[in-house]
mmCIF file of all heavy atoms, coordinates in Angstrom:
data_MODEL
# 
_entry.id   MODEL 
# 
loop_
_atom_site.group_PDB 
_atom_site.id 
_atom_site.type_symbol 
_atom_site.label_atom_id 
_atom_site.label_alt_id 
_atom_site.label_comp_id 
_atom_site.label_asym_id 
_atom_site.label_entity_id 
_atom_site.label_seq_id 
_atom_site.pdbx_PDB_ins_code 
_atom_site.Cartn_x 
_atom_site.Cartn_y 
_atom_site.Cartn_z 
_atom_site.occupancy 
_atom_site.B_iso_or_equiv 
_atom_site.pdbx_formal_charge 
_atom_site.auth_seq_id 
_atom_site.auth_comp_id 
_atom_site.auth_asym_id 
_atom_site.auth_atom_id 
_atom_site.pdbx_PDB_model_num 
ATOM 1   N N   . ILE A 1 1  ? -31.423 -13.592 -26.895 1.00 0.00 ? 1  ILE A N   1 
ATOM 2   C CA  . ILE A 1 1  ? -31.630 -13.232 -28.294 1.00 0.00 ? 1  ILE A CA  1 
ATOM 3   C C   . ILE A 1 1  ? -32.064 -14.494 -29.039 1.00 0.00 ? 1  ILE A C   1 
ATOM 4   O O   . ILE A 1 1  ? -31.331 -15.483 -29.078 1.00 0.00 ? 1  ILE A O   1 
ATOM 5   C CB  . ILE A 1 1  ? -30.341 -12.662 -28.921 1.00 0.00 ? 1  ILE A CB  1 
ATOM 6   C CG1 . ILE A 1 1  ? -29.931 -11.375 -28.202 1.00 0.00 ? 1  ILE A CG1 1 
ATOM 7   C CG2 . ILE A 1 1  ? -30.536 -12.429 -30.416 1.00 0.00 ? 1  ILE A CG2 1 
ATOM 8   C CD1 . ILE A 1 1  ? -28.574 -10.844 -28.616 1.00 0.00 ? 1  ILE A CD1 1 
ATOM 9   N N   . THR A 1 2  ? -33.243 -14.445 -29.622 1.00 0.00 ? 2  THR A N   1 
ATOM 10  C CA  . THR A 1 2  ? -33.760 -15.599 -30.355 1.00 0.00 ? 2  THR A CA  1 
ATOM 11  C C   . THR A 1 2  ? -34.051 -15.275 -31.809 1.00 0.00 ? 2  THR A C   1 
ATOM 12  O O   . THR A 1 2  ? -34.274 -16.179 -32.606 1.00 0.00 ? 2  THR A O   1 
ATOM 13  C CB  . THR A 1 2  ? -35.042 -16.139 -29.693 1.00 0.00 ? 2  THR A CB  1 
ATOM 14  O OG1 . THR A 1 2  ? -36.002 -15.078 -29.616 1.00 0.00 ? 2  THR A OG1 1 
ATOM 15  C CG2 . THR A 1 2  ? -34.762 -16.674 -28.298 1.00 0.00 ? 2  THR A CG2 1 
ATOM 16  N N   . ASP A 1 3  ? -34.024 -14.017 -32.157 1.00 0.00 ? 3  ASP A N   1 
ATOM 17  C CA  . ASP A 1 3  ? -34.271 -13.596 -33.534 1.00 0.00 ? 3  ASP A CA  1 
ATOM 18  C C   . ASP A 1 3  ? -32.962 -13.667 -34.325 1.00 0.00 ? 3  ASP A C   1 
ATOM 19  O O   . ASP A 1 3  ? -31.936 -13.121 -33.899 1.00 0.00 ? 3  ASP A O   1 
ATOM 20  C CB  . ASP A 1 3  ? -34.825 -12.169 -33.543 1.00 0.00 ? 3  ASP A CB  1 
ATOM 21  C CG  . ASP A 1 3  ? -35.066 -11.666 -34.940 1.00 0.00 ? 3  ASP A CG  1 
ATOM 22  O OD1 . ASP A 1 3  ? -36.177 -11.902 -35.452 1.00 0.00 ? 3  ASP A OD1 1 
ATOM 23  O OD2 . ASP A 1 3  ? -34.160 -11.027 -35.503 1.00 0.00 ? 3  ASP A OD2 1 
ATOM 24  N N   . LYS A 1 4  ? -32.992 -14.323 -35.479 1.00 0.00 ? 4  LYS A N   1 
ATOM 25  C CA  . LYS A 1 4  ? -31.777 -14.541 -36.273 1.00 0.00 ? 4  LYS A CA  1 
ATOM 26  C C   . LYS A 1 4  ? -31.121 -13.231 -36.686 1.00 0.00 ? 4  LYS A C   1 
ATOM 27  O O   . LYS A 1 4  ? -29.905 -13.088 -36.593 1.00 0.00 ? 4  LYS A O   1 
ATOM 28  C CB  . LYS A 1 4  ? -32.105 -15.375 -37.508 1.00 0.00 ? 4  LYS A CB  1 
ATOM 29  C CG  . LYS A 1 4  ? -30.897 -15.686 -38.357 1.00 0.00 ? 4  LYS A CG  1 
ATOM 30  C CD  . LYS A 1 4  ? -31.263 -16.522 -39.573 1.00 0.00 ? 4  LYS A CD  1 
ATOM 31  C CE  . LYS A 1 4  ? -30.022 -16.741 -40.423 1.00 0.00 ? 4  LYS A CE  1 
ATOM 32  N NZ  . LYS A 1 4  ? -30.301 -17.441 -41.649 1.00 0.00 ? 4  LYS A NZ  1 
ATOM 33  N N   . THR A 1 5  ? -31.892 -12.268 -37.126 1.00 0.00 ? 5  THR A N   1 
ATOM 34  C CA  . THR A 1 5  ? -31.329 -10.986 -37.564 1.00 0.00 ? 5  THR A CA  1 
ATOM 35  C C   . THR A 1 5  ? -30.698 -10.239 -36.401 1.00 0.00 ? 5  THR A C   1 
ATOM 36  O O   . THR A 1 5  ? -29.590 -9.703  -36.530 1.00 0.00 ? 5  THR A O   1 
ATOM 37  C CB  . THR A 1 5  ? -32.415 -10.117 -38.230 1.00 0.00 ? 5  THR A CB  1 
ATOM 38  O OG1 . THR A 1 5  ? -32.963 -10.839 -39.332 1.00 0.00 ? 5  THR A OG1 1 
ATOM 39  C CG2 . THR A 1 5  ? -31.850 -8.799  -38.714 1.00 0.00 ? 5  THR A CG2 1 
ATOM 40  N N   . VAL A 1 6  ? -31.355 -10.213 -35.271 1.00 0.00 ? 6  VAL A N   1 
ATOM 41  C CA  . VAL A 1 6  ? -30.803 -9.560  -34.081 1.00 0.00 ? 6  VAL A CA  1 
ATOM 42  C C   . VAL A 1 6  ? -29.520 -10.266 -33.661 1.00 0.00 ? 6  VAL A C   1 
ATOM 43  O O   . VAL A 1 6  ? -28.524 -9.623  -33.316 1.00 0.00 ? 6  VAL A O   1 
ATOM 44  C CB  . VAL A 1 6  ? -31.838 -9.551  -32.934 1.00 0.00 ? 6  VAL A CB  1 
ATOM 45  C CG1 . VAL A 1 6  ? -31.231 -9.004  -31.654 1.00 0.00 ? 6  VAL A CG1 1 
ATOM 46  C CG2 . VAL A 1 6  ? -33.065 -8.740  -33.326 1.00 0.00 ? 6  VAL A CG2 1 
ATOM 47  N N   . TYR A 1 7  ? -29.520 -11.597 -33.714 1.00 0.00 ? 7  TYR A N   1 
ATOM 48  C CA  . TYR A 1 7  ? -28.339 -12.387 -33.354 1.00 0.00 ? 7  TYR A CA  1 
ATOM 49  C C   . TYR A 1 7  ? -27.170 -12.072 -34.285 1.00 0.00 ? 7  TYR A C   1 
ATOM 50  O O   . TYR A 1 7  ? -26.043 -11.860 -33.831 1.00 0.00 ? 7  TYR A O   1 
ATOM 51  C CB  . TYR A 1 7  ? -28.702 -13.871 -33.403 1.00 0.00 ? 7  TYR A CB  1 
ATOM 52  C CG  . TYR A 1 7  ? -27.594 -14.797 -32.976 1.00 0.00 ? 7  TYR A CG  1 
ATOM 53  C CD1 . TYR A 1 7  ? -27.230 -14.905 -31.642 1.00 0.00 ? 7  TYR A CD1 1 
ATOM 54  C CD2 . TYR A 1 7  ? -26.914 -15.565 -33.913 1.00 0.00 ? 7  TYR A CD2 1 
ATOM 55  C CE1 . TYR A 1 7  ? -26.216 -15.762 -31.246 1.00 0.00 ? 7  TYR A CE1 1 
ATOM 56  C CE2 . TYR A 1 7  ? -25.899 -16.420 -33.522 1.00 0.00 ? 7  TYR A CE2 1 
ATOM 57  C CZ  . TYR A 1 7  ? -25.558 -16.514 -32.192 1.00 0.00 ? 7  TYR A CZ  1 
ATOM 58  O OH  . TYR A 1 7  ? -24.555 -17.353 -31.805 1.00 0.00 ? 7  TYR A OH  1 
ATOM 59  N N   . GLU A 1 8  ? -27.428 -12.028 -35.577 1.00 0.00 ? 8  GLU A N   1 
ATOM 60  C CA  . GLU A 1 8  ? -26.374 -11.720 -36.549 1.00 0.00 ? 8  GLU A CA  1 
ATOM 61  C C   . GLU A 1 8  ? -25.822 -10.310 -36.327 1.00 0.00 ? 8  GLU A C   1 
ATOM 62  O O   . GLU A 1 8  ? -24.608 -10.097 -36.422 1.00 0.00 ? 8  GLU A O   1 
ATOM 63  C CB  . GLU A 1 8  ? -26.894 -11.884 -37.973 1.00 0.00 ? 8  GLU A CB  1 
ATOM 64  C CG  . GLU A 1 8  ? -27.115 -13.338 -38.334 1.00 0.00 ? 8  GLU A CG  1 
ATOM 65  C CD  . GLU A 1 8  ? -27.867 -13.527 -39.634 1.00 0.00 ? 8  GLU A CD  1 
ATOM 66  O OE1 . GLU A 1 8  ? -28.454 -12.550 -40.159 1.00 0.00 ? 8  GLU A OE1 1 
ATOM 67  O OE2 . GLU A 1 8  ? -27.871 -14.673 -40.138 1.00 0.00 ? 8  GLU A OE2 1 
ATOM 68  N N   . ASN A 1 9  ? -26.697 -9.358  -36.033 1.00 0.00 ? 9  ASN A N   1 
ATOM 69  C CA  . ASN A 1 9  ? -26.252 -7.996  -35.733 1.00 0.00 ? 9  ASN A CA  1 
ATOM 70  C C   . ASN A 1 9  ? -25.383 -7.970  -34.476 1.00 0.00 ? 9  ASN A C   1 
ATOM 71  O O   . ASN A 1 9  ? -24.377 -7.259  -34.418 1.00 0.00 ? 9  ASN A O   1 
ATOM 72  C CB  . ASN A 1 9  ? -27.432 -7.046  -35.580 1.00 0.00 ? 9  ASN A CB  1 
ATOM 73  C CG  . ASN A 1 9  ? -28.125 -6.776  -36.898 1.00 0.00 ? 9  ASN A CG  1 
ATOM 74  O OD1 . ASN A 1 9  ? -27.539 -6.919  -37.971 1.00 0.00 ? 9  ASN A OD1 1 
ATOM 75  N ND2 . ASN A 1 9  ? -29.383 -6.393  -36.822 1.00 0.00 ? 9  ASN A ND2 1 
ATOM 76  N N   . GLU A 1 10 ? -25.762 -8.748  -33.479 1.00 0.00 ? 10 GLU A N   1 
ATOM 77  C CA  . GLU A 1 10 ? -24.988 -8.826  -32.247 1.00 0.00 ? 10 GLU A CA  1 
ATOM 78  C C   . GLU A 1 10 ? -23.608 -9.442  -32.514 1.00 0.00 ? 10 GLU A C   1 
ATOM 79  O O   . GLU A 1 10 ? -22.604 -8.968  -31.982 1.00 0.00 ? 10 GLU A O   1 
ATOM 80  C CB  . GLU A 1 10 ? -25.738 -9.634  -31.183 1.00 0.00 ? 10 GLU A CB  1 
ATOM 81  C CG  . GLU A 1 10 ? -25.059 -9.674  -29.839 1.00 0.00 ? 10 GLU A CG  1 
ATOM 82  C CD  . GLU A 1 10 ? -25.013 -8.336  -29.121 1.00 0.00 ? 10 GLU A CD  1 
ATOM 83  O OE1 . GLU A 1 10 ? -25.735 -7.389  -29.489 1.00 0.00 ? 10 GLU A OE1 1 
ATOM 84  O OE2 . GLU A 1 10 ? -24.229 -8.237  -28.151 1.00 0.00 ? 10 GLU A OE2 1 
ATOM 85  N N   . LEU A 1 11 ? -23.549 -10.465 -33.346 1.00 0.00 ? 11 LEU A N   1 
ATOM 86  C CA  . LEU A 1 11 ? -22.266 -11.068 -33.691 1.00 0.00 ? 11 LEU A CA  1 
ATOM 87  C C   . LEU A 1 11 ? -21.357 -10.065 -34.402 1.00 0.00 ? 11 LEU A C   1 
ATOM 88  O O   . LEU A 1 11 ? -20.147 -10.013 -34.135 1.00 0.00 ? 11 LEU A O   1 
ATOM 89  C CB  . LEU A 1 11 ? -22.465 -12.297 -34.570 1.00 0.00 ? 11 LEU A CB  1 
ATOM 90  C CG  . LEU A 1 11 ? -23.012 -13.546 -33.880 1.00 0.00 ? 11 LEU A CG  1 
ATOM 91  C CD1 . LEU A 1 11 ? -23.227 -14.658 -34.898 1.00 0.00 ? 11 LEU A CD1 1 
ATOM 92  C CD2 . LEU A 1 11 ? -22.104 -14.006 -32.763 1.00 0.00 ? 11 LEU A CD2 1 
ATOM 93  N N   . ARG A 1 12 ? -21.922 -9.254  -35.286 1.00 0.00 ? 12 ARG A N   1 
ATOM 94  C CA  . ARG A 1 12 ? -21.126 -8.214  -35.952 1.00 0.00 ? 12 ARG A CA  1 
ATOM 95  C C   . ARG A 1 12 ? -20.591 -7.206  -34.941 1.00 0.00 ? 12 ARG A C   1 
ATOM 96  O O   . ARG A 1 12 ? -19.429 -6.805  -34.995 1.00 0.00 ? 12 ARG A O   1 
ATOM 97  C CB  . ARG A 1 12 ? -21.953 -7.509  -37.028 1.00 0.00 ? 12 ARG A CB  1 
ATOM 98  C CG  . ARG A 1 12 ? -21.975 -8.252  -38.347 1.00 0.00 ? 12 ARG A CG  1 
ATOM 99  C CD  . ARG A 1 12 ? -22.587 -7.411  -39.453 1.00 0.00 ? 12 ARG A CD  1 
ATOM 100 N NE  . ARG A 1 12 ? -24.034 -7.331  -39.394 1.00 0.00 ? 12 ARG A NE  1 
ATOM 101 C CZ  . ARG A 1 12 ? -24.853 -8.298  -39.769 1.00 0.00 ? 12 ARG A CZ  1 
ATOM 102 N NH1 . ARG A 1 12 ? -24.375 -9.430  -40.240 1.00 0.00 ? 12 ARG A NH1 1 
ATOM 103 N NH2 . ARG A 1 12 ? -26.153 -8.149  -39.688 1.00 0.00 ? 12 ARG A NH2 1 
ATOM 104 N N   . LYS A 1 13 ? -21.438 -6.811  -34.002 1.00 0.00 ? 13 LYS A N   1 
ATOM 105 C CA  . LYS A 1 13 ? -21.027 -5.866  -32.964 1.00 0.00 ? 13 LYS A CA  1 
ATOM 106 C C   . LYS A 1 13 ? -19.893 -6.447  -32.127 1.00 0.00 ? 13 LYS A C   1 
ATOM 107 O O   . LYS A 1 13 ? -18.903 -5.765  -31.840 1.00 0.00 ? 13 LYS A O   1 
ATOM 108 C CB  . LYS A 1 13 ? -22.225 -5.518  -32.078 1.00 0.00 ? 13 LYS A CB  1 
ATOM 109 C CG  . LYS A 1 13 ? -21.907 -4.577  -30.948 1.00 0.00 ? 13 LYS A CG  1 
ATOM 110 C CD  . LYS A 1 13 ? -23.157 -4.309  -30.125 1.00 0.00 ? 13 LYS A CD  1 
ATOM 111 C CE  . LYS A 1 13 ? -22.835 -3.492  -28.896 1.00 0.00 ? 13 LYS A CE  1 
ATOM 112 N NZ  . LYS A 1 13 ? -24.013 -3.321  -28.037 1.00 0.00 ? 13 LYS A NZ  1 
ATOM 113 N N   . VAL A 1 14 ? -20.016 -7.705  -31.743 1.00 0.00 ? 14 VAL A N   1 
ATOM 114 C CA  . VAL A 1 14 ? -18.980 -8.373  -30.948 1.00 0.00 ? 14 VAL A CA  1 
ATOM 115 C C   . VAL A 1 14 ? -17.670 -8.408  -31.721 1.00 0.00 ? 14 VAL A C   1 
ATOM 116 O O   . VAL A 1 14 ? -16.600 -8.114  -31.173 1.00 0.00 ? 14 VAL A O   1 
ATOM 117 C CB  . VAL A 1 14 ? -19.425 -9.795  -30.545 1.00 0.00 ? 14 VAL A CB  1 
ATOM 118 C CG1 . VAL A 1 14 ? -18.274 -10.606 -29.976 1.00 0.00 ? 14 VAL A CG1 1 
ATOM 119 C CG2 . VAL A 1 14 ? -20.579 -9.724  -29.555 1.00 0.00 ? 14 VAL A CG2 1 
ATOM 120 N N   . ALA A 1 15 ? -17.733 -8.750  -33.008 1.00 0.00 ? 15 ALA A N   1 
ATOM 121 C CA  . ALA A 1 15 ? -16.522 -8.803  -33.831 1.00 0.00 ? 15 ALA A CA  1 
ATOM 122 C C   . ALA A 1 15 ? -15.870 -7.424  -33.931 1.00 0.00 ? 15 ALA A C   1 
ATOM 123 O O   . ALA A 1 15 ? -14.650 -7.299  -33.866 1.00 0.00 ? 15 ALA A O   1 
ATOM 124 C CB  . ALA A 1 15 ? -16.855 -9.340  -35.222 1.00 0.00 ? 15 ALA A CB  1 
ATOM 125 N N   . GLU A 1 16 ? -16.673 -6.382  -34.056 1.00 0.00 ? 16 GLU A N   1 
ATOM 126 C CA  . GLU A 1 16 ? -16.144 -5.020  -34.181 1.00 0.00 ? 16 GLU A CA  1 
ATOM 127 C C   . GLU A 1 16 ? -15.503 -4.529  -32.888 1.00 0.00 ? 16 GLU A C   1 
ATOM 128 O O   . GLU A 1 16 ? -14.430 -3.935  -32.902 1.00 0.00 ? 16 GLU A O   1 
ATOM 129 C CB  . GLU A 1 16 ? -17.259 -4.059  -34.605 1.00 0.00 ? 16 GLU A CB  1 
ATOM 130 C CG  . GLU A 1 16 ? -17.699 -4.225  -36.037 1.00 0.00 ? 16 GLU A CG  1 
ATOM 131 C CD  . GLU A 1 16 ? -18.932 -3.384  -36.366 1.00 0.00 ? 16 GLU A CD  1 
ATOM 132 O OE1 . GLU A 1 16 ? -19.323 -2.511  -35.551 1.00 0.00 ? 16 GLU A OE1 1 
ATOM 133 O OE2 . GLU A 1 16 ? -19.511 -3.614  -37.443 1.00 0.00 ? 16 GLU A OE2 1 
ATOM 134 N N   . GLN A 1 17 ? -16.178 -4.757  -31.766 1.00 0.00 ? 17 GLN A N   1 
ATOM 135 C CA  . GLN A 1 17 ? -15.660 -4.208  -30.507 1.00 0.00 ? 17 GLN A CA  1 
ATOM 136 C C   . GLN A 1 17 ? -14.681 -5.139  -29.810 1.00 0.00 ? 17 GLN A C   1 
ATOM 137 O O   . GLN A 1 17 ? -13.949 -4.718  -28.928 1.00 0.00 ? 17 GLN A O   1 
ATOM 138 C CB  . GLN A 1 17 ? -16.798 -3.806  -29.580 1.00 0.00 ? 17 GLN A CB  1 
ATOM 139 C CG  . GLN A 1 17 ? -17.638 -4.942  -29.039 1.00 0.00 ? 17 GLN A CG  1 
ATOM 140 C CD  . GLN A 1 17 ? -18.856 -4.460  -28.292 1.00 0.00 ? 17 GLN A CD  1 
ATOM 141 O OE1 . GLN A 1 17 ? -19.230 -3.296  -28.362 1.00 0.00 ? 17 GLN A OE1 1 
ATOM 142 N NE2 . GLN A 1 17 ? -19.490 -5.347  -27.558 1.00 0.00 ? 17 GLN A NE2 1 
ATOM 143 N N   . GLY A 1 18 ? -14.673 -6.417  -30.182 1.00 0.00 ? 18 GLY A N   1 
ATOM 144 C CA  . GLY A 1 18 ? -13.706 -7.355  -29.627 1.00 0.00 ? 18 GLY A CA  1 
ATOM 145 C C   . GLY A 1 18 ? -14.136 -8.046  -28.349 1.00 0.00 ? 18 GLY A C   1 
ATOM 146 O O   . GLY A 1 18 ? -13.356 -8.784  -27.755 1.00 0.00 ? 18 GLY A O   1 
ATOM 147 N N   . TYR A 1 19 ? -15.360 -7.860  -27.941 1.00 0.00 ? 19 TYR A N   1 
ATOM 148 C CA  . TYR A 1 19 ? -15.860 -8.535  -26.741 1.00 0.00 ? 19 TYR A CA  1 
ATOM 149 C C   . TYR A 1 19 ? -17.379 -8.649  -26.806 1.00 0.00 ? 19 TYR A C   1 
ATOM 150 O O   . TYR A 1 19 ? -18.045 -7.926  -27.546 1.00 0.00 ? 19 TYR A O   1 
ATOM 151 C CB  . TYR A 1 19 ? -15.434 -7.806  -25.468 1.00 0.00 ? 19 TYR A CB  1 
ATOM 152 C CG  . TYR A 1 19 ? -15.962 -6.392  -25.348 1.00 0.00 ? 19 TYR A CG  1 
ATOM 153 C CD1 . TYR A 1 19 ? -17.183 -6.131  -24.734 1.00 0.00 ? 19 TYR A CD1 1 
ATOM 154 C CD2 . TYR A 1 19 ? -15.243 -5.316  -25.843 1.00 0.00 ? 19 TYR A CD2 1 
ATOM 155 C CE1 . TYR A 1 19 ? -17.671 -4.836  -24.617 1.00 0.00 ? 19 TYR A CE1 1 
ATOM 156 C CE2 . TYR A 1 19 ? -15.718 -4.018  -25.736 1.00 0.00 ? 19 TYR A CE2 1 
ATOM 157 C CZ  . TYR A 1 19 ? -16.939 -3.791  -25.118 1.00 0.00 ? 19 TYR A CZ  1 
ATOM 158 O OH  . TYR A 1 19 ? -17.422 -2.510  -25.017 1.00 0.00 ? 19 TYR A OH  1 
ATOM 159 N N   . ALA A 1 20 ? -17.907 -9.567  -26.001 1.00 0.00 ? 20 ALA A N   1 
ATOM 160 C CA  . ALA A 1 20 ? -19.353 -9.771  -25.918 1.00 0.00 ? 20 ALA A CA  1 
ATOM 161 C C   . ALA A 1 20 ? -19.847 -9.386  -24.528 1.00 0.00 ? 20 ALA A C   1 
ATOM 162 O O   . ALA A 1 20 ? -19.143 -9.554  -23.540 1.00 0.00 ? 20 ALA A O   1 
ATOM 163 C CB  . ALA A 1 20 ? -19.695 -11.236 -26.191 1.00 0.00 ? 20 ALA A CB  1 
ATOM 164 N N   . VAL A 1 21 ? -21.059 -8.887  -24.485 1.00 0.00 ? 21 VAL A N   1 
ATOM 165 C CA  . VAL A 1 21 ? -21.707 -8.530  -23.224 1.00 0.00 ? 21 VAL A CA  1 
ATOM 166 C C   . VAL A 1 21 ? -23.022 -9.296  -23.139 1.00 0.00 ? 21 VAL A C   1 
ATOM 167 O O   . VAL A 1 21 ? -23.768 -9.378  -24.121 1.00 0.00 ? 21 VAL A O   1 
ATOM 168 C CB  . VAL A 1 21 ? -21.993 -7.014  -23.145 1.00 0.00 ? 21 VAL A CB  1 
ATOM 169 C CG1 . VAL A 1 21 ? -22.772 -6.673  -21.885 1.00 0.00 ? 21 VAL A CG1 1 
ATOM 170 C CG2 . VAL A 1 21 ? -20.704 -6.222  -23.214 1.00 0.00 ? 21 VAL A CG2 1 
ATOM 171 N N   . SER A 1 22 ? -23.271 -9.859  -21.991 1.00 0.00 ? 22 SER A N   1 
ATOM 172 C CA  . SER A 1 22 ? -24.534 -10.542 -21.739 1.00 0.00 ? 22 SER A CA  1 
ATOM 173 C C   . SER A 1 22 ? -25.081 -10.040 -20.404 1.00 0.00 ? 22 SER A C   1 
ATOM 174 O O   . SER A 1 22 ? -24.377 -10.078 -19.396 1.00 0.00 ? 22 SER A O   1 
ATOM 175 C CB  . SER A 1 22 ? -24.327 -12.053 -21.672 1.00 0.00 ? 22 SER A CB  1 
ATOM 176 O OG  . SER A 1 22 ? -25.514 -12.693 -21.235 1.00 0.00 ? 22 SER A OG  1 
ATOM 177 N N   . VAL A 1 23 ? -26.283 -9.578  -20.432 1.00 0.00 ? 23 VAL A N   1 
ATOM 178 C CA  . VAL A 1 23 ? -26.944 -9.168  -19.189 1.00 0.00 ? 23 VAL A CA  1 
ATOM 179 C C   . VAL A 1 23 ? -28.272 -9.918  -19.115 1.00 0.00 ? 23 VAL A C   1 
ATOM 180 O O   . VAL A 1 23 ? -29.231 -9.584  -19.805 1.00 0.00 ? 23 VAL A O   1 
ATOM 181 C CB  . VAL A 1 23 ? -27.182 -7.640  -19.124 1.00 0.00 ? 23 VAL A CB  1 
ATOM 182 C CG1 . VAL A 1 23 ? -27.843 -7.261  -17.799 1.00 0.00 ? 23 VAL A CG1 1 
ATOM 183 C CG2 . VAL A 1 23 ? -25.881 -6.879  -19.319 1.00 0.00 ? 23 VAL A CG2 1 
ATOM 184 N N   . GLY A 1 24 ? -28.281 -10.971 -18.322 1.00 0.00 ? 24 GLY A N   1 
ATOM 185 C CA  . GLY A 1 24 ? -29.497 -11.745 -18.128 1.00 0.00 ? 24 GLY A CA  1 
ATOM 186 C C   . GLY A 1 24 ? -29.925 -12.570 -19.320 1.00 0.00 ? 24 GLY A C   1 
ATOM 187 O O   . GLY A 1 24 ? -31.059 -13.019 -19.372 1.00 0.00 ? 24 GLY A O   1 
ATOM 188 N N   . GLU A 1 25 ? -29.050 -12.808 -20.276 1.00 0.00 ? 25 GLU A N   1 
ATOM 189 C CA  . GLU A 1 25 ? -29.445 -13.555 -21.471 1.00 0.00 ? 25 GLU A CA  1 
ATOM 190 C C   . GLU A 1 25 ? -29.484 -15.062 -21.247 1.00 0.00 ? 25 GLU A C   1 
ATOM 191 O O   . GLU A 1 25 ? -30.269 -15.757 -21.883 1.00 0.00 ? 25 GLU A O   1 
ATOM 192 C CB  . GLU A 1 25 ? -28.502 -13.246 -22.631 1.00 0.00 ? 25 GLU A CB  1 
ATOM 193 C CG  . GLU A 1 25 ? -28.652 -11.831 -23.149 1.00 0.00 ? 25 GLU A CG  1 
ATOM 194 C CD  . GLU A 1 25 ? -27.681 -11.511 -24.261 1.00 0.00 ? 25 GLU A CD  1 
ATOM 195 O OE1 . GLU A 1 25 ? -27.396 -12.400 -25.087 1.00 0.00 ? 25 GLU A OE1 1 
ATOM 196 O OE2 . GLU A 1 25 ? -27.198 -10.363 -24.307 1.00 0.00 ? 25 GLU A OE2 1 
# 
């Protein structure tokens, strides 16, 4: 993820669900 908006959305998702997922990032 290199786009700032996409990154910020991903951070919100991680905070909501309580974990992060990375597949080939």
